[in-house]
Amino acid sequence: MPRCLKVIGVAAAAGVLALAAVAAPAAAEPAWPASAAARALAAEIRVMRGDLRRLRDDAALTAAQAEGLRLRLAGALAALPWLRREAGHPPEREAVAALRRALAEDDRAALGAGLDTLAARHPLDLTGILPPDDRPEALALAAALHEAYCAGCHAAGAAAADVPLPARDLFAEAAEQPTEEFAARMLNGIRGDHVTALENPFAAGDLSALIAFYRRGPRGEPSRR
C-alpha cells in the first residue's frame, strides 16, 4: 500500500473442579485471553491455512507464486514458537518442527491436519471486526481508506505472474476467501510505518468497514458469501 501502510503469509461444584484438576495435564495452556498477541497468533494460523489451501487448490498459480507461498509458510512456521510464547503458550518446538518437516517434504495432508489442530486450539477473537460493518457511513469511510492507502498497490490485475508474493486484488481475495480468513489477513497483514512502530494503524471499526467494502466487490454489490 502507498503512504504509510504496507501489506506483508495471532476458551461449579467442588468435586467437578477437583476431578478436572487431577485430569488436566501439568502444562495446561492458559485460558483463552483475547489479547493482541493471542489474536495475532490465531490470525497467523488462519493465514497459513489459507496459504496452504491456495497452494493446493489454485491451478492458476505460477511457479514463482507457488514458491512464494511456500516461503511465506516456512517463515510463518519459523515464527510460530515466538508467537506462541508472546501469547502466553509453551513454544512447542517439536510440534512446530513436525509441521516444518511436513512443508519441506510437501506433505500437505499432514501440514493441513496440524494447522487445523492449531486453529481449533487457538480460536480467533474478531470482536469489533466481524460481522462486517456495512452501514452506509462505514462503507463511505472504507472507500476513502481504500483510495488513500490500498488502491495503488491492490488494484484489479495488479498481481504480477513473475512476482513470488504479489499485491493481490483485495476485492478478489474477499470474494474467494472465507470471511474469517480474509479478516485475519487484514488484521495481521496491514502494517504502518515507524510512526506506528509498524503496528496495524487501523482500528477494529476501520477493518470491519473495509471487510464489508471489499466483500461487496468493486461494483458495490452485496456479497452472497
C-alpha atoms as a PDB file:
ATOM      1  CA  MET A   1       0.000   0.000   0.000  1.00  0.00           C
ATOM      2  CA  PRO A   2       1.274   3.514  -0.660  1.00  0.00           C
ATOM      3  CA  ARG A   3       1.841   6.148   2.011  1.00  0.00           C
ATOM      4  CA  CYS A   4       2.413   4.707   5.466  1.00  0.00           C
ATOM      5  CA  LEU A   5       0.816   1.290   5.012  1.00  0.00           C
ATOM      6  CA  LYS A   6       2.197  -1.939   3.717  1.00  0.00           C
ATOM      7  CA  VAL A   7       0.665  -5.394   3.332  1.00  0.00           C
ATOM      8  CA  ILE A   8       3.001  -8.176   4.375  1.00  0.00           C
ATOM      9  CA  GLY A   9       1.810 -15.315   4.820  1.00  0.00           C
ATOM     10  CA  VAL A  10      -2.175 -14.042  16.063  1.00  0.00           C
ATOM     11  CA  ALA A  11     -11.700 -20.591  25.512  1.00  0.00           C
ATOM     12  CA  ALA A  12     -19.043 -25.406  39.822  1.00  0.00           C
ATOM     13  CA  ALA A  13     -19.144 -27.980  42.044  1.00  0.00           C
ATOM     14  CA  ALA A  14     -16.007 -28.582  44.113  1.00  0.00           C
ATOM     15  CA  GLY A  15     -15.933 -32.263  43.175  1.00  0.00           C
ATOM     16  CA  VAL A  16     -16.001 -31.498  39.463  1.00  0.00           C
ATOM     17  CA  LEU A  17     -13.233 -28.922  39.829  1.00  0.00           C
ATOM     18  CA  ALA A  18     -11.102 -31.369  41.795  1.00  0.00           C
ATOM     19  CA  LEU A  19     -11.568 -34.056  39.148  1.00  0.00           C
ATOM     20  CA  ALA A  20     -10.670 -31.605  36.400  1.00  0.00           C
ATOM     21  CA  ALA A  21      -7.522 -30.604  38.260  1.00  0.00           C
ATOM     22  CA  VAL A  22      -6.421 -34.242  38.506  1.00  0.00           C
ATOM     23  CA  ALA A  23      -7.202 -34.950  34.855  1.00  0.00           C
ATOM     24  CA  ALA A  24      -5.601 -31.794  33.475  1.00  0.00           C
ATOM     25  CA  PRO A  25      -2.039 -32.009  32.144  1.00  0.00           C
ATOM     26  CA  ALA A  26       0.665 -30.411  34.214  1.00  0.00           C
ATOM     27  CA  ALA A  27       1.492 -27.893  31.496  1.00  0.00           C
ATOM     28  CA  ALA A  28      -2.104 -26.948  30.670  1.00  0.00           C
ATOM     29  CA  GLU A  29      -2.331 -23.902  28.453  1.00  0.00           C
ATOM     30  CA  PRO A  30      -3.839 -20.755  29.953  1.00  0.00           C
ATOM     31  CA  ALA A  31      -7.478 -19.960  29.275  1.00  0.00           C
ATOM     32  CA  TRP A  32      -8.079 -18.034  26.066  1.00  0.00           C
ATOM     33  CA  PRO A  33      -7.307 -14.345  26.523  1.00  0.00           C
ATOM     34  CA  ALA A  34      -8.384 -12.020  23.739  1.00  0.00           C
ATOM     35  CA  SER A  35      -5.053 -10.201  23.931  1.00  0.00           C
ATOM     36  CA  ALA A  36      -3.372  -8.625  20.945  1.00  0.00           C
ATOM     37  CA  ALA A  37      -0.714 -11.363  20.983  1.00  0.00           C
ATOM     38  CA  ALA A  38      -3.292 -14.155  21.174  1.00  0.00           C
ATOM     39  CA  ARG A  39      -5.253 -12.568  18.363  1.00  0.00           C
ATOM     40  CA  ALA A  40      -2.121 -12.245  16.214  1.00  0.00           C
ATOM     41  CA  LEU A  41      -1.248 -15.910  16.807  1.00  0.00           C
ATOM     42  CA  ALA A  42      -4.738 -17.126  15.913  1.00  0.00           C
ATOM     43  CA  ALA A  43      -4.855 -14.888  12.850  1.00  0.00           C
ATOM     44  CA  GLU A  44      -1.480 -16.119  11.608  1.00  0.00           C
ATOM     45  CA  ILE A  45      -2.632 -19.742  11.873  1.00  0.00           C
ATOM     46  CA  ARG A  46      -5.610 -18.932   9.649  1.00  0.00           C
ATOM     47  CA  VAL A  47      -3.414 -17.131   7.147  1.00  0.00           C
ATOM     48  CA  MET A  48      -1.186 -20.200   6.987  1.00  0.00           C
ATOM     49  CA  ARG A  49      -4.184 -22.456   6.399  1.00  0.00           C
ATOM     50  CA  GLY A  50      -5.314 -20.160   3.610  1.00  0.00           C
ATOM     51  CA  ASP A  51      -1.876 -20.133   2.001  1.00  0.00           C
ATOM     52  CA  LEU A  52      -1.783 -23.924   2.103  1.00  0.00           C
ATOM     53  CA  ARG A  53      -5.251 -24.130   0.579  1.00  0.00           C
ATOM     54  CA  ARG A  54      -4.186 -21.834  -2.231  1.00  0.00           C
ATOM     55  CA  LEU A  55      -1.011 -23.805  -2.793  1.00  0.00           C
ATOM     56  CA  ARG A  56      -3.055 -26.994  -3.012  1.00  0.00           C
ATOM     57  CA  ASP A  57      -6.112 -25.826  -4.943  1.00  0.00           C
ATOM     58  CA  ASP A  58      -5.265 -22.775  -7.057  1.00  0.00           C
ATOM     59  CA  ALA A  59      -4.487 -24.113 -10.530  1.00  0.00           C
ATOM     60  CA  ALA A  60      -3.719 -20.583 -11.772  1.00  0.00           C
ATOM     61  CA  LEU A  61      -0.666 -20.188  -9.520  1.00  0.00           C
ATOM     62  CA  THR A  62       2.559 -19.609 -11.392  1.00  0.00           C
ATOM     63  CA  ALA A  63       5.751 -21.372 -10.334  1.00  0.00           C
ATOM     64  CA  ALA A  64       7.010 -18.116  -8.803  1.00  0.00           C
ATOM     65  CA  GLN A  65       3.798 -17.586  -6.842  1.00  0.00           C
ATOM     66  CA  ALA A  66       3.760 -21.177  -5.570  1.00  0.00           C
ATOM     67  CA  GLU A  67       7.335 -20.793  -4.377  1.00  0.00           C
ATOM     68  CA  GLY A  68       6.397 -17.502  -2.715  1.00  0.00           C
ATOM     69  CA  LEU A  69       3.612 -19.215  -0.776  1.00  0.00           C
ATOM     70  CA  ARG A  70       5.977 -21.990   0.329  1.00  0.00           C
ATOM     71  CA  LEU A  71       8.497 -19.420   1.508  1.00  0.00           C
ATOM     72  CA  ARG A  72       5.830 -17.477   3.373  1.00  0.00           C
ATOM     73  CA  LEU A  73       4.617 -20.676   5.071  1.00  0.00           C
ATOM     74  CA  ALA A  74       8.207 -21.508   6.037  1.00  0.00           C
ATOM     75  CA  GLY A  75       8.679 -18.049   7.529  1.00  0.00           C
ATOM     76  CA  ALA A  76       5.403 -18.210   9.441  1.00  0.00           C
ATOM     77  CA  LEU A  77       6.243 -21.637  10.861  1.00  0.00           C
ATOM     78  CA  ALA A  78       9.675 -20.392  11.919  1.00  0.00           C
ATOM     79  CA  ALA A  79       7.997 -17.545  13.822  1.00  0.00           C
ATOM     80  CA  LEU A  80       5.304 -19.748  15.376  1.00  0.00           C
ATOM     81  CA  PRO A  81       7.185 -20.627  18.626  1.00  0.00           C
ATOM     82  CA  TRP A  82       7.784 -16.916  19.238  1.00  0.00           C
ATOM     83  CA  LEU A  83       4.135 -16.071  18.527  1.00  0.00           C
ATOM     84  CA  ARG A  84       3.011 -18.786  20.952  1.00  0.00           C
ATOM     85  CA  ARG A  85       5.367 -17.559  23.650  1.00  0.00           C
ATOM     86  CA  GLU A  86       4.176 -13.969  23.188  1.00  0.00           C
ATOM     87  CA  ALA A  87       0.581 -15.199  23.578  1.00  0.00           C
ATOM     88  CA  GLY A  88       1.433 -16.986  26.834  1.00  0.00           C
ATOM     89  CA  HIS A  89       1.672 -20.543  25.500  1.00  0.00           C
ATOM     90  CA  PRO A  90       4.587 -23.006  25.506  1.00  0.00           C
ATOM     91  CA  PRO A  91       6.544 -22.725  22.235  1.00  0.00           C
ATOM     92  CA  GLU A  92       6.079 -26.457  21.411  1.00  0.00           C
ATOM     93  CA  ARG A  93       9.130 -26.540  19.183  1.00  0.00           C
ATOM     94  CA  GLU A  94       8.837 -30.281  18.487  1.00  0.00           C
ATOM     95  CA  ALA A  95       5.293 -29.911  17.174  1.00  0.00           C
ATOM     96  CA  VAL A  96       6.349 -26.934  15.070  1.00  0.00           C
ATOM     97  CA  ALA A  97       9.340 -28.903  13.778  1.00  0.00           C
ATOM     98  CA  ALA A  98       6.937 -31.618  12.603  1.00  0.00           C
ATOM     99  CA  LEU A  99       4.954 -29.000  10.676  1.00  0.00           C
ATOM    100  CA  ARG A 100       8.144 -27.652   9.126  1.00  0.00           C
ATOM    101  CA  ARG A 101       9.141 -31.172   8.060  1.00  0.00           C
ATOM    102  CA  ALA A 102       5.724 -31.674   6.501  1.00  0.00           C
ATOM    103  CA  LEU A 103       6.208 -28.489   4.480  1.00  0.00           C
ATOM    104  CA  ALA A 104       9.736 -29.435   3.436  1.00  0.00           C
ATOM    105  CA  GLU A 105       8.522 -32.884   2.330  1.00  0.00           C
ATOM    106  CA  ASP A 106       5.469 -31.363   0.606  1.00  0.00           C
ATOM    107  CA  ASP A 107       3.209 -33.479   2.839  1.00  0.00           C
ATOM    108  CA  ARG A 108       0.240 -31.179   2.518  1.00  0.00           C
ATOM    109  CA  ALA A 109      -2.166 -33.540   4.278  1.00  0.00           C
ATOM    110  CA  ALA A 110      -0.005 -33.648   7.425  1.00  0.00           C
ATOM    111  CA  LEU A 111       0.605 -29.909   7.312  1.00  0.00           C
ATOM    112  CA  GLY A 112      -3.101 -29.206   6.870  1.00  0.00           C
ATOM    113  CA  ALA A 113      -4.066 -31.526   9.724  1.00  0.00           C
ATOM    114  CA  GLY A 114      -1.518 -29.869  12.015  1.00  0.00           C
ATOM    115  CA  LEU A 115      -2.734 -26.373  11.149  1.00  0.00           C
ATOM    116  CA  ASP A 116      -6.362 -27.453  11.669  1.00  0.00           C
ATOM    117  CA  THR A 117      -5.416 -28.704  15.137  1.00  0.00           C
ATOM    118  CA  LEU A 118      -3.743 -25.399  15.952  1.00  0.00           C
ATOM    119  CA  ALA A 119      -6.742 -23.439  14.679  1.00  0.00           C
ATOM    120  CA  ALA A 120      -9.064 -25.447  16.926  1.00  0.00           C
ATOM    121  CA  ARG A 121      -6.818 -24.771  19.921  1.00  0.00           C
ATOM    122  CA  HIS A 122      -6.486 -21.058  19.163  1.00  0.00           C
ATOM    123  CA  PRO A 123      -9.875 -19.555  18.255  1.00  0.00           C
ATOM    124  CA  LEU A 124      -9.681 -16.162  16.598  1.00  0.00           C
ATOM    125  CA  ASP A 125     -11.438 -13.415  18.537  1.00  0.00           C
ATOM    126  CA  LEU A 126     -12.729 -10.943  15.951  1.00  0.00           C
ATOM    127  CA  THR A 127     -14.895  -8.926  18.317  1.00  0.00           C
ATOM    128  CA  GLY A 128     -15.427  -5.489  16.816  1.00  0.00           C
ATOM    129  CA  ILE A 129     -14.276  -6.658  13.387  1.00  0.00           C
ATOM    130  CA  LEU A 130     -16.905  -9.247  12.459  1.00  0.00           C
ATOM    131  CA  PRO A 131     -19.619  -9.118  11.441  1.00  0.00           C
ATOM    132  CA  PRO A 132     -18.528  -6.617   8.781  1.00  0.00           C
ATOM    133  CA  ASP A 133     -19.917  -3.119   9.222  1.00  0.00           C
ATOM    134  CA  ASP A 134     -21.906  -2.423   6.053  1.00  0.00           C
ATOM    135  CA  ARG A 135     -23.680   0.735   7.186  1.00  0.00           C
ATOM    136  CA  PRO A 136     -23.535   3.462   4.503  1.00  0.00           C
ATOM    137  CA  GLU A 137     -21.269   5.681   6.601  1.00  0.00           C
ATOM    138  CA  ALA A 138     -18.901   2.772   7.255  1.00  0.00           C
ATOM    139  CA  LEU A 139     -18.738   1.901   3.555  1.00  0.00           C
ATOM    140  CA  ALA A 140     -18.011   5.540   2.721  1.00  0.00           C
ATOM    141  CA  LEU A 141     -15.138   5.533   5.217  1.00  0.00           C
ATOM    142  CA  ALA A 142     -13.812   2.269   3.778  1.00  0.00           C
ATOM    143  CA  ALA A 143     -13.952   3.630   0.232  1.00  0.00           C
ATOM    144  CA  ALA A 144     -11.873   6.627   1.314  1.00  0.00           C
ATOM    145  CA  LEU A 145      -9.341   4.405   3.099  1.00  0.00           C
ATOM    146  CA  HIS A 146      -9.117   2.142   0.062  1.00  0.00           C
ATOM    147  CA  GLU A 147      -8.421   5.022  -2.305  1.00  0.00           C
ATOM    148  CA  ALA A 148      -5.916   6.645   0.032  1.00  0.00           C
ATOM    149  CA  TYR A 149      -3.945   3.619   1.148  1.00  0.00           C
ATOM    150  CA  CYS A 150      -4.774   0.462  -0.802  1.00  0.00           C
ATOM    151  CA  ALA A 151      -5.821   1.048  -4.405  1.00  0.00           C
ATOM    152  CA  GLY A 152      -2.355   1.982  -5.640  1.00  0.00           C
ATOM    153  CA  CYS A 153      -0.938  -1.495  -4.978  1.00  0.00           C
ATOM    154  CA  HIS A 154      -4.026  -3.701  -4.788  1.00  0.00           C
ATOM    155  CA  ALA A 155      -5.896  -2.741  -7.937  1.00  0.00           C
ATOM    156  CA  ALA A 156      -7.552  -5.346 -10.157  1.00  0.00           C
ATOM    157  CA  GLY A 157      -4.987  -7.162 -12.263  1.00  0.00           C
ATOM    158  CA  ALA A 158      -2.085  -5.831 -10.172  1.00  0.00           C
ATOM    159  CA  ALA A 159      -0.719  -9.295  -9.306  1.00  0.00           C
ATOM    160  CA  ALA A 160       2.314  -9.998 -11.490  1.00  0.00           C
ATOM    161  CA  ALA A 161       2.826 -13.586 -12.625  1.00  0.00           C
ATOM    162  CA  ASP A 162       6.594 -13.484 -12.068  1.00  0.00           C
ATOM    163  CA  VAL A 163       6.448 -11.993  -8.555  1.00  0.00           C
ATOM    164  CA  PRO A 164       6.527 -14.555  -5.707  1.00  0.00           C
ATOM    165  CA  LEU A 165       4.151 -12.663  -3.408  1.00  0.00           C
ATOM    166  CA  PRO A 166       2.343 -10.053  -5.494  1.00  0.00           C
ATOM    167  CA  ALA A 167      -0.025  -7.462  -4.067  1.00  0.00           C
ATOM    168  CA  ARG A 168      -3.341  -9.112  -4.901  1.00  0.00           C
ATOM    169  CA  ASP A 169      -6.700  -7.560  -5.762  1.00  0.00           C
ATOM    170  CA  LEU A 170      -8.407  -7.206  -2.379  1.00  0.00           C
ATOM    171  CA  PHE A 171     -11.887  -7.446  -3.904  1.00  0.00           C
ATOM    172  CA  ALA A 172     -10.930 -10.801  -5.436  1.00  0.00           C
ATOM    173  CA  GLU A 173      -9.410 -12.004  -2.165  1.00  0.00           C
ATOM    174  CA  ALA A 174     -12.543 -11.086  -0.232  1.00  0.00           C
ATOM    175  CA  ALA A 175     -14.685 -12.945  -2.772  1.00  0.00           C
ATOM    176  CA  GLU A 176     -12.654 -16.161  -2.749  1.00  0.00           C
ATOM    177  CA  GLN A 177     -11.670 -16.461   0.920  1.00  0.00           C
ATOM    178  CA  PRO A 178     -13.787 -17.359   3.958  1.00  0.00           C
ATOM    179  CA  THR A 179     -14.632 -14.176   5.837  1.00  0.00           C
ATOM    180  CA  GLU A 180     -12.630 -15.232   8.917  1.00  0.00           C
ATOM    181  CA  GLU A 181      -9.517 -15.818   6.823  1.00  0.00           C
ATOM    182  CA  PHE A 182      -9.853 -12.504   5.000  1.00  0.00           C
ATOM    183  CA  ALA A 183     -10.301 -10.746   8.348  1.00  0.00           C
ATOM    184  CA  ALA A 184      -7.180 -12.499   9.661  1.00  0.00           C
ATOM    185  CA  ARG A 185      -5.206 -11.269   6.656  1.00  0.00           C
ATOM    186  CA  MET A 186      -6.445  -7.726   7.160  1.00  0.00           C
ATOM    187  CA  LEU A 187      -5.622  -7.929  10.872  1.00  0.00           C
ATOM    188  CA  ASN A 188      -2.083  -9.277  10.513  1.00  0.00           C
ATOM    189  CA  GLY A 189      -1.210  -8.066   7.031  1.00  0.00           C
ATOM    190  CA  ILE A 190      -1.539  -4.292   7.347  1.00  0.00           C
ATOM    191  CA  ARG A 191       1.440  -2.516   8.825  1.00  0.00           C
ATOM    192  CA  GLY A 192       2.167   1.130   9.424  1.00  0.00           C
ATOM    193  CA  ASP A 193       5.472   2.978   9.320  1.00  0.00           C
ATOM    194  CA  HIS A 194       7.968   3.996  12.021  1.00  0.00           C
ATOM    195  CA  VAL A 195       5.391   6.418  13.457  1.00  0.00           C
ATOM    196  CA  THR A 196       3.096   3.499  14.369  1.00  0.00           C
ATOM    197  CA  ALA A 197       6.005   1.179  15.278  1.00  0.00           C
ATOM    198  CA  LEU A 198       4.851  -0.967  12.324  1.00  0.00           C
ATOM    199  CA  GLU A 199       1.627  -1.811  14.152  1.00  0.00           C
ATOM    200  CA  ASN A 200      -1.650  -2.032  12.243  1.00  0.00           C
ATOM    201  CA  PRO A 201      -2.782   1.621  12.302  1.00  0.00           C
ATOM    202  CA  PHE A 202      -6.439   0.802  11.638  1.00  0.00           C
ATOM    203  CA  ALA A 203      -8.949   0.463  14.471  1.00  0.00           C
ATOM    204  CA  ALA A 204     -11.227  -2.572  14.631  1.00  0.00           C
ATOM    205  CA  GLY A 205     -14.083  -0.490  13.229  1.00  0.00           C
ATOM    206  CA  ASP A 206     -11.963   0.548  10.243  1.00  0.00           C
ATOM    207  CA  LEU A 207     -11.119  -3.081   9.493  1.00  0.00           C
ATOM    208  CA  SER A 208     -14.771  -4.076   9.855  1.00  0.00           C
ATOM    209  CA  ALA A 209     -15.784  -1.414   7.353  1.00  0.00           C
ATOM    210  CA  LEU A 210     -13.002  -2.392   4.935  1.00  0.00           C
ATOM    211  CA  ILE A 211     -14.028  -6.045   5.044  1.00  0.00           C
ATOM    212  CA  ALA A 212     -17.625  -5.100   4.245  1.00  0.00           C
ATOM    213  CA  PHE A 213     -16.416  -2.826   1.444  1.00  0.00           C
ATOM    214  CA  TYR A 214     -14.241  -5.477  -0.208  1.00  0.00           C
ATOM    215  CA  ARG A 215     -16.871  -8.192   0.183  1.00  0.00           C
ATOM    216  CA  ARG A 216     -19.334  -6.048  -1.762  1.00  0.00           C
ATOM    217  CA  GLY A 217     -16.960  -6.075  -4.728  1.00  0.00           C
ATOM    218  CA  PRO A 218     -15.752  -3.220  -6.933  1.00  0.00           C
ATOM    219  CA  ARG A 219     -19.323  -2.518  -8.081  1.00  0.00           C
ATOM    220  CA  GLY A 220     -20.606  -2.236  -4.518  1.00  0.00           C
ATOM    221  CA  GLU A 221     -22.914  -5.237  -4.743  1.00  0.00           C
ATOM    222  CA  PRO A 222     -23.680  -7.179  -1.526  1.00  0.00           C
ATOM    223  CA  SER A 223     -21.728 -10.430  -1.209  1.00  0.00           C
ATOM    224  CA  ARG A 224     -23.578 -13.727  -1.116  1.00  0.00           C
ATOM    225  CA  ARG A 225     -20.785 -15.459   0.849  1.00  0.00           C
END
